[in-house]
């Protein structure tokens, strides 16, 4: 059954998660610059296609998911609804960051797919569901 409420909750959850990941990445970058570990900020492409995907992967793999926790959402395998595998989380983070510049492409499927999946979820075979007692 279609649940647009869960799809709608993903949007504020995303902004919280993204703020957390970006703040961590900016903090790490500032620390590296302050300690002269790096001499200048990395290229935007390196940040967008390497640092951000790795940041989201670590964030999801460590199950930090602050935004999703607040709204009681969880990333699961689309068929079994069991916790998504490390491979699925890795693939999801890479796909998410590759597609992030196409925000409409990411948001529209949330409301029109039967399982409220973004394009990155469809390709990684994951979905985000409202947490019940059995999901962590």
Protein backbone atom coordinates (compact mmCIF):
# COMPACT_ATOMS: atom_id res chain seq x y z
CA UNK A 1 0.00 0.00 0.00
CA UNK A 2 1.22 3.47 -0.86
CA UNK A 3 2.29 5.58 2.10
CA UNK A 4 2.93 9.19 1.04
CA UNK A 5 3.30 10.17 4.69
CA UNK A 6 6.51 8.11 4.92
CA UNK A 7 7.69 9.62 1.63
CA UNK A 8 7.03 13.12 2.97
CA UNK A 9 8.91 12.36 6.21
CA UNK A 10 11.99 11.47 4.18
CA UNK A 11 12.43 15.10 3.12
CA UNK A 12 13.00 16.67 6.57
CA UNK A 13 14.92 13.52 7.61
CA UNK A 14 17.20 14.04 4.63
CA UNK A 15 17.91 17.67 5.55
CA UNK A 16 18.85 16.66 9.09
CA UNK A 17 21.03 13.79 7.84
CA UNK A 18 22.66 15.97 5.19
CA UNK A 19 23.37 18.75 7.71
CA UNK A 20 25.02 16.23 10.01
CA UNK A 21 27.16 14.68 7.23
CA UNK A 22 28.14 18.06 5.76
CA UNK A 23 29.00 19.47 9.20
CA UNK A 24 31.22 16.45 9.87
CA UNK A 25 32.93 16.82 6.49
CA UNK A 26 33.43 20.59 6.93
CA UNK A 27 34.80 19.99 10.43
CA UNK A 28 37.22 17.36 9.13
CA UNK A 29 38.27 19.64 6.27
CA UNK A 30 38.87 22.55 8.67
CA UNK A 31 40.92 20.28 10.94
CA UNK A 32 43.03 19.07 8.02
CA UNK A 33 43.61 22.65 6.87
CA UNK A 34 44.35 23.88 10.42
CA UNK A 35 46.91 21.13 11.04
CA UNK A 36 48.44 21.74 7.58
CA UNK A 37 47.75 18.13 6.63
CA UNK A 38 46.42 19.57 3.40
CA UNK A 39 47.48 22.94 1.99
CA UNK A 40 44.26 23.92 0.21
CA UNK A 41 40.65 22.78 0.07
CA UNK A 42 40.00 19.88 -2.31
CA UNK A 43 38.31 20.40 -5.66
CA UNK A 44 34.51 20.52 -5.63
CA UNK A 45 34.41 17.37 -7.79
CA UNK A 46 36.47 15.45 -5.25
CA UNK A 47 34.20 16.56 -2.44
CA UNK A 48 30.99 15.80 -4.36
CA UNK A 49 31.98 12.45 -5.87
CA UNK A 50 34.28 11.05 -3.16
CA UNK A 51 33.97 12.79 0.21
CA UNK A 52 30.18 13.16 0.31
CA UNK A 53 29.44 9.55 -0.81
CA UNK A 54 31.98 8.21 1.71
CA UNK A 55 30.49 10.48 4.39
CA UNK A 56 26.95 9.20 3.74
CA UNK A 57 28.15 5.59 3.54
CA UNK A 58 29.88 5.84 6.92
CA UNK A 59 26.86 7.65 8.36
CA UNK A 60 24.47 4.95 7.14
CA UNK A 61 26.80 1.99 7.83
CA UNK A 62 27.33 3.12 11.43
CA UNK A 63 23.54 3.51 11.70
CA UNK A 64 23.80 7.10 12.93
CA UNK A 65 20.81 8.23 10.82
CA UNK A 66 19.77 11.08 13.12
CA UNK A 67 17.08 12.42 10.76
CA UNK A 68 15.65 8.99 10.13
CA UNK A 69 15.69 8.19 13.86
CA UNK A 70 13.75 11.36 14.68
CA UNK A 71 11.04 10.41 12.18
CA UNK A 72 11.28 6.68 12.99
CA UNK A 73 12.44 5.72 9.50
CA UNK A 74 14.86 2.91 8.65
CA UNK A 75 16.75 1.82 5.50
CA UNK A 76 15.91 -1.78 4.61
CA UNK A 77 16.23 -4.30 1.79
CA UNK A 78 13.29 -3.69 -0.54
CA UNK A 79 12.12 -7.32 -0.61
CA UNK A 80 12.86 -8.76 2.81
CA UNK A 81 12.51 -5.49 4.76
CA UNK A 82 15.53 -6.65 6.78
CA UNK A 83 18.36 -4.22 7.54
CA UNK A 84 20.09 -3.17 4.30
CA UNK A 85 23.46 -4.83 3.69
CA UNK A 86 26.75 -2.95 3.76
CA UNK A 87 26.94 -3.39 -0.03
CA UNK A 88 23.44 -1.91 -0.46
CA UNK A 89 24.33 1.05 1.77
CA UNK A 90 27.55 1.62 -0.20
CA UNK A 91 25.75 1.42 -3.53
CA UNK A 92 22.94 3.65 -2.22
CA UNK A 93 25.41 6.33 -1.07
CA UNK A 94 27.26 6.34 -4.40
CA UNK A 95 24.04 6.48 -6.42
CA UNK A 96 22.53 9.10 -4.13
CA UNK A 97 25.50 11.44 -4.52
CA UNK A 98 25.71 10.90 -8.27
CA UNK A 99 22.04 11.79 -8.63
CA UNK A 100 21.84 14.53 -5.98
CA UNK A 101 22.21 17.28 -8.55
CA UNK A 102 18.98 16.08 -10.12
CA UNK A 103 16.84 16.79 -7.05
CA UNK A 104 13.52 16.48 -8.87
CA UNK A 105 14.55 13.08 -10.25
CA UNK A 106 15.21 11.98 -6.67
CA UNK A 107 12.05 13.42 -5.13
CA UNK A 108 9.36 12.57 -7.68
CA UNK A 109 9.75 8.77 -7.46
CA UNK A 110 9.26 8.99 -3.69
CA UNK A 111 5.66 9.99 -4.22
CA UNK A 112 4.86 7.96 -7.34
CA UNK A 113 6.57 4.60 -6.79
CA UNK A 114 4.58 1.88 -5.09
CA UNK A 115 7.28 1.49 -2.41
CA UNK A 116 8.07 5.21 -2.02
CA UNK A 117 11.59 4.69 -3.34
CA UNK A 118 13.91 7.33 -4.69
CA UNK A 119 15.84 6.47 -7.84
CA UNK A 120 18.92 5.66 -5.73
CA UNK A 121 16.80 3.27 -3.62
CA UNK A 122 15.43 1.51 -6.70
CA UNK A 123 18.91 0.93 -8.09
CA UNK A 124 20.34 -0.18 -4.72
CA UNK A 125 17.26 -2.34 -4.01
CA UNK A 126 16.59 -0.56 -0.71
CA UNK A 127 13.66 1.37 0.66
CA UNK A 128 12.98 3.56 3.67
CA UNK A 129 10.08 2.50 5.85
CA UNK A 130 8.43 3.74 9.02
CA UNK A 131 10.06 1.90 11.91
CA UNK A 132 8.02 -0.55 13.94
CA UNK A 133 9.06 -2.43 17.07
CA UNK A 134 11.01 -5.07 15.17
CA UNK A 135 13.30 -2.67 13.17
CA UNK A 136 16.33 -1.02 14.78
